[in-house]
Every structure is written in structure tokens, then in C-alpha cells.
Protein backbone atom coordinates (compact mmCIF):
# COMPACT_ATOMS: atom_id res chain seq x y z
CA UNK A 1 103.78 194.02 136.49
CA UNK A 2 101.40 191.12 137.12
CA UNK A 3 102.64 187.54 136.58
CA UNK A 4 100.16 184.79 135.81
CA UNK A 5 99.92 181.05 136.30
CA UNK A 6 96.98 178.79 135.62
CA UNK A 7 95.26 175.98 137.50
CA UNK A 8 91.74 174.57 137.94
CA UNK A 9 88.99 174.49 140.51
CA UNK A 10 86.86 171.36 140.65
CA UNK A 11 83.10 171.52 140.30
CA UNK A 12 82.05 167.89 140.19
CA UNK A 13 83.74 166.36 137.15
CA UNK A 14 84.24 169.80 135.62
CA UNK A 15 87.65 171.39 136.07
CA UNK A 16 87.05 175.12 135.80
CA UNK A 17 90.06 177.24 134.81
CA UNK A 18 91.51 179.57 137.43
CA UNK A 19 94.02 182.31 136.72
CA UNK A 20 96.52 182.88 139.53
CA UNK A 21 97.72 186.48 139.39
CA UNK A 22 100.68 187.70 141.42
CA UNK A 23 101.73 191.30 141.95
CA UNK A 24 104.80 192.42 143.94
CA UNK A 25 104.37 196.10 144.80
CA UNK A 26 106.06 198.58 147.12
CA UNK A 27 104.61 198.84 150.59
CA UNK A 28 104.70 197.19 153.97
CA UNK A 29 105.85 193.56 153.75
CA UNK A 30 102.79 191.31 153.44
CA UNK A 31 101.65 188.15 151.69
CA UNK A 32 97.91 188.03 151.02
CA UNK A 33 95.70 185.72 148.96
CA UNK A 34 92.34 186.98 147.70
CA UNK A 35 89.62 185.50 145.50
CA UNK A 36 87.45 183.47 147.89
CA UNK A 37 90.12 181.03 149.10
CA UNK A 38 89.19 178.42 151.68
CA UNK A 39 91.34 177.65 154.73
CA UNK A 40 93.64 175.26 152.84
CA UNK A 41 94.27 177.83 150.09
CA UNK A 42 94.86 180.66 152.58
CA UNK A 43 97.48 178.58 154.38
CA UNK A 44 99.36 178.17 151.09
CA UNK A 45 101.25 181.40 151.75
CA UNK A 46 103.05 179.83 154.72
CA UNK A 47 103.84 176.63 152.83
CA UNK A 48 105.10 178.58 149.80
CA UNK A 49 107.21 180.97 151.88
CA UNK A 50 108.86 178.11 153.78
CA UNK A 51 109.41 176.03 150.64
CA UNK A 52 111.10 178.95 148.88
CA UNK A 53 113.25 179.53 151.97
CA UNK A 54 114.33 175.87 151.79
CA UNK A 55 115.50 176.60 148.22
CA UNK A 56 117.45 179.64 149.46
CA UNK A 57 115.04 182.03 147.77
CA UNK A 58 114.27 185.03 149.96
CA UNK A 59 111.09 187.01 149.41
CA UNK A 60 111.54 190.77 148.98
CA UNK A 61 110.39 193.22 151.65
CA UNK A 62 107.41 194.24 149.56
CA UNK A 63 103.70 193.62 149.42
CA UNK A 64 102.84 190.36 147.65
CA UNK A 65 99.25 189.95 146.49
CA UNK A 66 97.87 186.74 144.99
CA UNK A 67 94.51 186.97 143.24
CA UNK A 68 92.60 183.85 142.21
CA UNK A 69 90.38 184.79 139.28
CA UNK A 70 87.45 184.63 138.81
CA UNK A 71 87.14 186.15 142.25
CA UNK A 72 83.51 185.16 142.78
CA UNK A 73 84.14 181.40 142.52
CA UNK A 74 85.12 179.59 145.74
CA UNK A 75 88.60 178.02 145.66
CA UNK A 76 88.91 174.79 147.60
CA UNK A 77 91.86 172.44 148.03
CA UNK A 78 95.59 172.35 148.63
CA UNK A 79 96.44 171.92 144.94
CA UNK A 80 96.74 175.72 144.58
CA UNK A 81 100.17 175.66 146.27
CA UNK A 82 102.17 174.96 143.12
CA UNK A 83 100.49 177.54 140.82
CA UNK A 84 100.81 180.17 143.56
CA UNK A 85 104.52 179.43 143.88
CA UNK A 86 105.01 179.54 140.08
CA UNK A 87 103.24 182.86 139.71
CA UNK A 88 105.33 184.30 142.55
CA UNK A 89 108.59 183.05 141.03
CA UNK A 90 107.55 184.52 137.68
CA UNK A 91 106.77 187.85 139.33
CA UNK A 92 110.26 187.81 140.87
CA UNK A 93 111.72 187.14 137.39
CA UNK A 94 113.17 183.83 138.52
CA UNK A 95 111.06 181.94 135.97
CA UNK A 96 110.18 183.08 132.44
CA UNK A 97 106.63 184.37 132.49
CA UNK A 98 105.65 183.11 129.07
CA UNK A 99 106.68 179.54 129.97
CA UNK A 100 104.68 179.62 133.21
CA UNK A 101 101.62 180.95 131.39
CA UNK A 102 101.73 178.06 128.91
CA UNK A 103 101.34 175.52 131.73
CA UNK A 104 98.50 174.41 133.95
CA UNK A 105 99.77 173.46 137.39
CA UNK A 106 98.40 171.76 140.48
CA UNK A 107 100.08 170.27 143.51
CA UNK A 108 100.49 170.61 147.24
CA UNK A 109 103.89 171.54 148.64
CA UNK A 110 105.64 170.35 151.75
CA UNK A 111 107.73 172.73 153.80
CA UNK A 112 110.90 171.38 152.17
CA UNK A 113 109.55 172.05 148.66
CA UNK A 114 108.61 168.49 147.73
CA UNK A 115 105.32 168.04 145.90
CA UNK A 116 102.56 166.02 147.56
CA UNK A 117 99.97 164.17 145.42
CA UNK A 118 96.52 165.71 145.19
CA UNK A 119 93.15 164.52 143.95
CA UNK A 120 91.73 165.40 140.55
CA UNK A 121 94.79 164.99 138.33
CA UNK A 122 92.77 163.21 135.65
CA UNK A 123 90.09 165.94 135.24
CA UNK A 124 92.85 168.56 135.38
CA UNK A 125 94.71 166.85 132.54
CA UNK A 126 91.52 166.85 130.50
CA UNK A 127 91.15 170.60 131.11
CA UNK A 128 94.79 171.18 130.13
CA UNK A 129 94.23 169.32 126.87
CA UNK A 130 91.18 171.43 126.09
CA UNK A 131 93.15 174.64 126.73
CA UNK A 132 96.20 173.40 124.80
CA UNK A 133 98.52 173.66 127.80
CA UNK A 134 100.96 171.29 129.42
CA UNK A 135 100.16 169.96 132.89
CA UNK A 136 102.65 170.28 135.75
CA UNK A 137 101.77 168.05 138.68
CA UNK A 138 103.38 166.00 141.48
CA UNK A 139 105.30 162.93 140.38
CA UNK A 140 102.82 160.60 142.06
CA UNK A 141 100.02 162.04 139.89
CA UNK A 142 101.86 161.87 136.57
CA UNK A 143 100.90 158.30 135.63
CA UNK A 144 97.24 159.07 136.30
CA UNK A 145 97.17 162.32 134.35
CA UNK A 146 99.06 160.86 131.37
CA UNK A 147 96.05 158.71 130.42
CA UNK A 148 94.52 161.82 128.85
CA UNK A 149 96.22 162.46 125.51
CA UNK A 150 96.60 165.84 123.88
CA UNK A 151 98.41 167.45 126.83
CA UNK A 152 102.02 166.99 127.81
CA UNK A 153 102.22 165.91 131.45
CA UNK A 154 105.28 166.95 133.45
CA UNK A 155 105.52 165.17 136.77
CA UNK A 156 107.98 166.67 139.24
CA UNK A 157 109.09 165.47 142.66
CA UNK A 158 109.74 168.94 144.06
CA UNK A 159 109.44 172.63 143.30
CA UNK A 160 113.16 172.79 142.54
CA UNK A 161 112.63 170.25 139.73
CA UNK A 162 109.95 172.51 138.25
CA UNK A 163 112.25 175.53 138.49
CA UNK A 164 115.07 173.70 136.73
CA UNK A 165 112.66 172.63 134.01
CA UNK A 166 111.35 176.12 133.27
CA UNK A 167 114.86 177.61 133.37
CA UNK A 168 116.14 174.96 130.95
CA UNK A 169 118.69 173.46 133.34
CA UNK A 170 117.10 170.01 133.55
CA UNK A 171 113.94 169.50 131.46
CA UNK A 172 111.41 167.06 132.85
CA UNK A 173 110.55 164.04 130.67
CA UNK A 174 106.86 163.56 129.78
CA UNK A 175 105.05 161.22 132.14
CA UNK A 176 103.90 157.82 130.93
CA UNK A 177 100.42 156.40 131.58
CA UNK A 178 100.09 154.00 134.50
CA UNK A 179 99.45 150.32 134.16
CA UNK A 180 96.08 148.77 133.40
CA UNK A 181 95.29 147.10 136.69
CA UNK A 182 93.58 143.70 136.75
CA UNK A 183 90.29 143.50 138.53
CA UNK A 184 89.97 142.00 141.97
CA UNK A 185 89.15 138.32 142.19
CA UNK A 186 85.40 138.23 142.83
CA UNK A 187 85.07 134.45 142.86
CA UNK A 188 83.11 132.17 140.57
CA UNK A 189 79.36 131.78 140.52
CA UNK A 190 79.77 127.99 140.40
CA UNK A 191 80.95 128.17 144.02
CA UNK A 192 77.37 128.96 145.07
CA UNK A 193 75.61 125.70 145.94
CA UNK A 194 72.13 125.39 144.43
CA UNK A 195 70.16 128.57 143.64
CA UNK A 196 70.09 127.87 139.89
CA UNK A 197 67.01 130.05 139.47
CA UNK A 198 68.68 133.01 141.19
CA UNK A 199 71.86 132.49 139.14
CA UNK A 200 69.82 132.60 135.94
CA UNK A 201 68.17 135.81 137.16
CA UNK A 202 71.58 137.40 137.75
CA UNK A 203 72.63 136.46 134.22
CA UNK A 204 69.51 138.15 132.81
CA UNK A 205 70.13 141.19 135.01
CA UNK A 206 73.75 141.45 133.84
CA UNK A 207 72.75 141.15 130.17
CA UNK A 208 70.04 143.81 130.35
CA UNK A 209 71.41 146.05 133.14
CA UNK A 210 68.30 145.35 135.20
CA UNK A 211 67.95 146.52 138.78
CA UNK A 212 67.36 143.42 140.91
CA UNK A 213 66.03 142.67 144.39
CA UNK A 214 66.91 139.37 146.07
CA UNK A 215 64.61 138.30 148.92
CA UNK A 216 65.47 135.23 150.98
CA UNK A 217 66.20 133.81 154.40
CA UNK A 218 69.55 134.44 156.12
CA UNK A 219 72.30 132.17 154.81
CA UNK A 220 70.62 131.45 151.49
CA UNK A 221 73.54 132.96 149.51
CA UNK A 222 72.23 136.41 148.53
CA UNK A 223 75.39 138.31 149.43
CA UNK A 224 77.61 135.56 148.02
CA UNK A 225 75.90 135.74 144.62
CA UNK A 226 75.91 139.54 144.65
CA UNK A 227 79.67 139.65 145.22
CA UNK A 228 80.14 137.49 142.10
CA UNK A 229 77.97 139.61 139.82
CA UNK A 230 80.89 141.79 138.56
CA UNK A 231 82.45 138.62 137.15
CA UNK A 232 79.50 138.33 134.75
CA UNK A 233 79.84 141.85 133.36
CA UNK A 234 82.04 142.74 130.38
CA UNK A 235 85.12 144.88 131.10
CA UNK A 236 84.96 148.63 130.87
CA UNK A 237 85.61 150.22 127.51
CA UNK A 238 88.22 152.97 127.15
CA UNK A 239 85.67 155.80 127.44
CA UNK A 240 83.92 154.22 130.41
CA UNK A 241 87.23 153.56 132.17
CA UNK A 242 88.36 157.18 131.84
CA UNK A 243 84.96 158.46 132.89
CA UNK A 244 84.80 156.21 135.95
CA UNK A 245 88.41 156.98 136.83
CA UNK A 246 87.68 160.70 136.79
CA UNK A 247 85.18 160.20 139.60
CA UNK A 248 87.59 157.98 141.52
CA UNK A 249 90.34 160.54 140.96
CA UNK A 250 88.25 163.24 142.64
CA UNK A 251 87.67 160.84 145.53
CA UNK A 252 91.37 159.98 145.77
CA UNK A 253 90.80 156.27 145.08
CA UNK A 254 93.15 155.70 142.13
CA UNK A 255 96.10 153.47 143.00
CA UNK A 256 99.44 154.75 141.65
CA UNK A 257 97.88 156.15 138.51
CA UNK A 258 96.61 152.80 137.31
CA UNK A 259 93.22 152.37 135.68
CA UNK A 260 91.28 149.19 136.24
CA UNK A 261 89.38 147.30 133.58
CA UNK A 262 86.98 145.88 136.18
CA UNK A 263 83.61 147.43 136.80
CA UNK A 264 83.18 149.13 140.19
CA UNK A 265 81.41 147.26 142.96
CA UNK A 266 80.30 149.32 145.94
CA UNK A 267 78.57 147.80 148.95
CA UNK A 268 78.06 150.37 151.74
CA UNK A 269 76.85 149.34 155.19
CA UNK A 270 73.20 149.97 155.98
CA UNK A 271 74.21 152.58 158.60
CA UNK A 272 75.69 154.85 155.88
CA UNK A 273 74.43 158.42 155.89
CA UNK A 274 72.70 160.16 153.02
CA UNK A 275 75.75 162.34 152.07
CA UNK A 276 77.95 159.24 151.91
CA UNK A 277 75.49 157.49 149.59
CA UNK A 278 74.36 160.35 147.34
CA UNK A 279 77.31 162.72 147.77
CA UNK A 280 77.97 165.83 149.75
CA UNK A 281 80.04 166.89 152.70
CA UNK A 282 82.86 169.38 152.37
CA UNK A 283 83.28 170.30 148.73
CA UNK A 284 80.27 168.17 147.70
CA UNK A 285 82.33 165.03 147.11
CA UNK A 286 80.94 162.13 145.06
CA UNK A 287 78.94 159.54 146.97
CA UNK A 288 78.76 155.77 146.72
CA UNK A 289 76.28 155.81 143.84
CA UNK A 290 78.70 157.91 141.76
CA UNK A 291 81.65 155.73 142.74
CA UNK A 292 79.59 152.80 141.42
CA UNK A 293 79.10 154.55 138.06
CA UNK A 294 79.27 152.01 135.19
CA UNK A 295 79.29 149.23 137.76
CA UNK A 296 77.25 147.56 140.50
CA UNK A 297 75.80 149.21 143.59
CA UNK A 298 74.93 146.52 146.14
CA UNK A 299 72.75 147.34 149.14
CA UNK A 300 72.62 144.44 151.57
CA UNK A 301 69.89 144.47 154.25
CA UNK A 302 68.01 146.88 152.01
CA UNK A 303 65.06 147.67 154.33
CA UNK A 304 67.49 148.49 157.15
CA UNK A 305 68.77 151.58 155.33
CA UNK A 306 67.22 154.82 156.59
CA UNK A 307 64.04 155.73 154.74
CA UNK A 308 65.50 159.08 153.69
CA UNK A 309 68.50 157.34 152.08
CA UNK A 310 66.30 154.91 150.16
CA UNK A 311 64.02 157.61 148.80
CA UNK A 312 66.96 159.65 147.49
CA UNK A 313 67.77 156.78 145.11
CA UNK A 314 64.57 157.12 143.12
CA UNK A 315 65.62 160.01 140.88
CA UNK A 316 69.26 158.92 140.29
CA UNK A 317 68.06 155.47 139.19
CA UNK A 318 65.85 157.07 136.53
CA UNK A 319 68.10 159.87 135.29
CA UNK A 320 71.58 158.36 135.69
CA UNK A 321 72.88 161.50 137.39
CA UNK A 322 72.57 163.18 140.76
CA UNK A 323 72.63 166.85 141.68
CA UNK A 324 74.34 167.41 145.02
CA UNK A 325 72.83 170.72 146.13
CA UNK A 326 74.26 172.39 149.20
CA UNK A 327 74.28 175.96 150.45
CA UNK A 328 77.75 176.60 149.02
CA UNK A 329 77.91 174.07 146.18
CA UNK A 330 75.73 172.67 143.40
CA UNK A 331 77.50 169.77 141.73
CA UNK A 332 76.20 167.17 139.28
CA UNK A 333 77.77 163.71 139.15
CA UNK A 334 76.98 160.84 136.77
CA UNK A 335 75.73 157.71 138.53
CA UNK A 336 74.53 155.16 135.98
CA UNK A 337 74.79 152.07 138.10
CA UNK A 338 73.12 148.69 138.30
CA UNK A 339 71.29 148.47 141.62
CA UNK A 340 71.37 145.09 143.33
CA UNK A 341 69.61 144.84 146.68
CA UNK A 342 69.17 141.99 149.14
CA UNK A 343 66.60 141.70 151.90
CA UNK A 344 65.20 139.22 154.37
CA UNK A 345 61.48 138.45 154.00
CA UNK A 346 60.84 139.78 157.51
CA UNK A 347 62.74 141.09 160.49
CA UNK A 348 63.49 137.66 161.94
CA UNK A 349 64.22 136.32 158.44
CA UNK A 350 62.25 133.07 158.60
CA UNK A 351 58.80 134.07 157.38
CA UNK A 352 58.51 131.03 155.08
CA UNK A 353 59.59 128.56 157.78
CA UNK A 354 56.68 127.96 160.16
CA UNK A 355 58.94 126.22 162.67
CA UNK A 356 61.30 129.18 162.99
CA UNK A 357 59.12 132.19 162.22
CA UNK A 358 58.21 134.63 164.97
CA UNK A 359 54.75 134.93 166.47
CA UNK A 360 53.97 138.03 164.41
CA UNK A 361 54.09 136.18 161.07
CA UNK A 362 52.88 136.95 158.44
CA UNK A 363 52.26 140.54 159.52
CA UNK A 364 55.93 141.07 160.34
CA UNK A 365 56.83 140.47 156.67
CA UNK A 366 54.38 143.08 155.46
CA UNK A 367 55.67 145.60 157.97
CA UNK A 368 59.32 144.87 157.20
CA UNK A 369 59.14 145.05 153.40
CA UNK A 370 56.69 147.94 153.78
CA UNK A 371 59.72 150.08 154.60
CA UNK A 372 60.40 150.05 150.85
CA UNK A 373 58.04 152.52 149.22
CA UNK A 374 55.99 151.61 146.19
CA UNK A 375 57.78 154.02 143.79
CA UNK A 376 61.16 152.64 144.86
CA UNK A 377 60.00 149.04 144.57
CA UNK A 378 58.81 149.84 141.07
CA UNK A 379 62.40 150.65 140.08
CA UNK A 380 63.36 146.98 140.44
CA UNK A 381 62.95 145.17 137.14
CA UNK A 382 63.55 141.75 138.72
CA UNK A 383 62.44 140.56 142.16
CA UNK A 384 63.80 137.11 142.95
CA UNK A 385 62.95 134.82 145.83
CA UNK A 386 66.04 133.02 147.10
CA UNK A 387 64.98 129.86 148.99
CA UNK A 388 67.10 128.38 151.80
CA UNK A 389 69.70 125.75 150.91
CA UNK A 390 69.51 122.42 152.66
CA UNK A 391 72.36 121.73 155.04
CA UNK A 392 73.36 118.50 153.33
CA UNK A 393 73.59 120.30 149.96
CA UNK A 394 76.45 122.42 151.26
CA UNK A 395 78.76 119.37 151.17
CA UNK A 396 78.17 118.87 147.46
CA UNK A 397 80.96 119.85 145.03
CA UNK A 398 80.76 123.04 142.99
CA UNK A 399 78.12 122.76 140.31
CA UNK A 400 76.66 124.81 137.51
CA UNK A 401 78.37 126.95 134.91
CA UNK A 402 81.36 129.10 135.73
CA UNK A 403 81.26 132.88 135.68
CA UNK A 404 83.46 132.92 132.55
CA UNK A 405 80.94 130.85 130.57
CA UNK A 406 78.03 133.02 131.71
CA UNK A 407 80.01 136.18 130.97
CA UNK A 408 80.39 135.09 127.34
CA UNK A 409 76.62 134.85 126.96
CA UNK A 410 76.20 138.24 128.66
CA UNK A 411 78.71 139.81 126.25
CA UNK A 412 76.87 138.25 123.29
CA UNK A 413 73.56 139.64 124.51
CA UNK A 414 75.04 143.11 124.91
CA UNK A 415 76.52 142.88 121.42
CA UNK A 416 73.00 142.28 120.09
CA UNK A 417 71.84 145.37 121.98
CA UNK A 418 74.70 147.41 120.51
CA UNK A 419 73.71 146.34 116.98
CA UNK A 420 70.05 147.02 117.68
CA UNK A 421 70.74 150.61 118.74
CA UNK A 422 73.47 151.28 116.19
CA UNK A 423 71.52 154.24 114.82
CA UNK A 424 71.27 155.88 118.25
CA UNK A 425 74.68 157.31 119.23
CA UNK A 426 73.67 158.13 122.80
CA UNK A 427 72.67 154.52 123.39
CA UNK A 428 75.58 153.08 121.44
CA UNK A 429 77.91 155.02 123.73
CA UNK A 430 76.54 153.03 126.67
CA UNK A 431 76.74 149.65 124.92
CA UNK A 432 80.05 148.26 126.07
CA UNK A 433 79.96 144.88 124.34
CA UNK A 434 82.40 144.53 121.48
CA UNK A 435 84.32 147.59 122.62
CA UNK A 436 88.05 147.94 122.93
CA UNK A 437 89.48 146.15 125.96
CA UNK A 438 91.37 148.24 128.47
CA UNK A 439 94.60 146.38 127.81
CA UNK A 440 94.51 148.08 124.39
CA UNK A 441 93.55 151.61 125.41
CA UNK A 442 95.72 154.57 124.56
CA UNK A 443 95.67 158.20 125.67
CA UNK A 444 92.57 159.99 124.44
CA UNK A 445 92.52 161.98 121.26
CA UNK A 446 90.46 165.16 120.74
CA UNK A 447 87.35 163.28 119.62
CA UNK A 448 87.48 160.95 122.61
CA UNK A 449 87.91 163.86 124.99
CA UNK A 450 84.83 165.51 123.53
CA UNK A 451 82.95 162.24 123.99
CA UNK A 452 84.11 162.14 127.60
CA UNK A 453 82.73 165.64 128.16
CA UNK A 454 79.39 164.51 126.77
CA UNK A 455 79.53 161.46 128.99
CA UNK A 456 79.68 163.64 132.09
CA UNK A 457 76.61 165.57 130.98
CA UNK A 458 73.17 164.44 132.18
CA UNK A 459 71.92 164.68 128.58
CA UNK A 460 73.89 161.54 127.83
CA UNK A 461 71.54 159.33 129.75
CA UNK A 462 68.33 158.30 128.01
CA UNK A 463 65.13 158.55 129.97
CA UNK A 464 63.91 155.38 131.63
CA UNK A 465 65.56 152.40 133.24
CA UNK A 466 68.08 149.90 131.95
């Protein structure tokens, strides 16, 4: 008789259900896994066999067959270890089959039976809630998965804890959501000496979500102002936080199950490859633009990025999503970010200073900024010239308004936008001003989970910029 356990396979933010079927039949002793497993899944048989041996559970001298259904969908990742072990224990009548079938499990196992944290606990919990199942996961993933309401999350430290839970010897308590983490200190905009015009431009960009290009000489403060832009933005709402955390969960970036209220800020080096920016690699992982979803994507030395990387940004900026298409994977990730770029006016950087400019001026400036194509340059709503700061001005005390004061005006402007588009639900979903702060968020209910599914869909994003 076939025993069944359930888990998920990740396709972008979607967690597709997978049925793990186990059959123990007479025949030559063997342990095989079928259903398009990758190398990590195929090696699960050795980890499961050794972990069961550590629990003094001997496998019978029969043929053990594990089928991962649907069989035509590739299975990638080490999180299949736990559901494979549960289906095998149910087939051996060590665990009650009906209890195993009511759970959705994921987790990697060590050779001693302890459960190792895996990526994707948050999307898996969302899938468990939609299927009305409880989620069984490693203890380190419990706080992360518990943020999604509607599904009981059981976090276990080892396979033996899971066995004792299903046999009723020692039930596992439901996991509690992790803490709301404070954002990193990004500094105050008043620390930037001078540049009042550029500061005002950043305030306008933050209020209207405008893509901005800063052009100025080296040392004029472009990178310093860019690093302080997140301090002007309002905190993430509950829906945005869960949506952003789902992407970070797939990338393994969540810290101890905590969810941050701060907006993401990603600043890759100009030598970054196209897969690292857009997404790709093994399993079509999310790239930097998706990790910056609902936040700021800063590209310093903008013309120095490879031309191919720059041109791939044109469509994601417009649509708010990116399709990572590879030979063995087609995955769509949301990437509604605010693009902030910085560039020197020319290769030497001193085009406006006749005493320091190179002999090729002004032609060097045209050639240097000519690396940015016209269609890409058109994506920038604001293009700001950042003049050099006089040396003696650097000794002046901090001046200008603080980031907190500017952030209040930005929040007020976004509140006006939210009221203006109150009759347009798809736009109101993106208007974060006046929303619930993350220190008040609770696990999601059914309506919020449905909203989160719509948020991951490219239909959520309205056409056009901003």
C-alpha cells in the first residue's frame, strides 16, 4: 500500500504542491527516488537511511520506491528530505498515515537526524494555508513561517521530535512569529554638507517613486545621499513586508525568522553579472532587482555596468516584474523598485572643471554618458546635476533638515496619492502611506493571503512608471 506525504517545489514565489509517494514492495533490497529529482534530492536516500539508523530504525530488506508527483516537474533542493522520511515511516506503519497526509513538510536532515534550515519557509507556509494543512519544518524556520496565519506551524529540531509528535508521545507546540526587526541605521540627510538642490530632488523622488539619475564630480556626495534615501521612505506595510520577505526567504536572507520594517536597499558593484542583477543561475534564483522589490536599487558608477546588464533593466522598470527564462526554468519575480543611479560626467570625472579635465573634454563626456542608451535614459524621471562641494564647506556643521522631518512630508504626499487613487484597488495596494506599521502586523488572514497572491502576479503592476 502506498503512503503519502506532501511538500512543495518552488517556482519563483509560487510554491507548487508535490505529493511524495512511498511504496515498500517485495524484491531485491533497493532505495530509489523517481520523479525528476536533482542531485540534492537523489542524495536524500543516503541522508534518510543514515538518519533512521541513528534512531535505531532499520529499513526492511525490500524494494523502497519514492515517487515525487507530478513526475514531469523538476524537483530541486534539499528540503525534500523530511517529507521523504515521513512517507517512508508511514509506509512502515511507524507513523499514522492520515496524520502525515494532513501535513506539509520541508526540511533537510543531517546524518544524526537533526533538521537543518532551508530556504522558502515563508512561501511554503502560504501554500500550506491555502491547502488547509499544517506545516512541519526545521526549528530555525518556524519563526519565519509563523508570520503566515491560517496554517499551524510545527517547528522541530530533529526527525525524532516529529515522530514523537505524530505518535502522540510529545506534541510540538505551534511556532510563534519572529520579531519585527528594526531597520539598519542609514544616517541622516543633514550630514551631507551643501547639495540642497539634490536633497530636494531626493525628497521629490521619494514622494513620487521617481527613478533618479545623479550626475556629478567624484566626491560631491552622490553615494552618501543615495545611502540615506531609505530614511526618507515610509516603512513597509504588512502586505509589502510579507511579499518582500517571501523573495528574501527564497534567497536565504531572512535573519532568524524576523521581518524588517525597513525598505530594501541594494547596491551591487558595477562588475556584477547579468544573472546576479536580473536573476538566474541554478534554480533561477531572484536577482538584485527582485531583492530590491518595494525598496531602492542603487547603481553607483552607472555607465561602468556592462551594456547588456543596463539594457535588461528597461522592461523590468516599466512592468514591475521580470521573467527569468532559462533552458530548464521559466520563473517570474516581482521587482517594483525605485532606481537610483549615480554617474560621473565623464571618465575622468572633472568635465566641468577646466583646470582638472582631461584633454579630450568635452568629447569624453559625450562618449562616457553615451554608454547609457536613449530608451534607458528615458526611464529616469529626474536627472540631477550634483556640483562639487568646496573644501572649506566640509568643515561646516551639519545643516538642513533631518531625514525624519523630510520623511514626514514624504508620508503626507503619499497619503494624498492614496486618497487620490482610492477608487483604484490595484493602485491603492501600492500606496503605503497611512498603512499599518510593521510593529502592529499580525499573521495573515485568508483575505490578506489572497491579496499576497495577487501581489506576486504581474497583473498587479499598472502600466507605466512611478
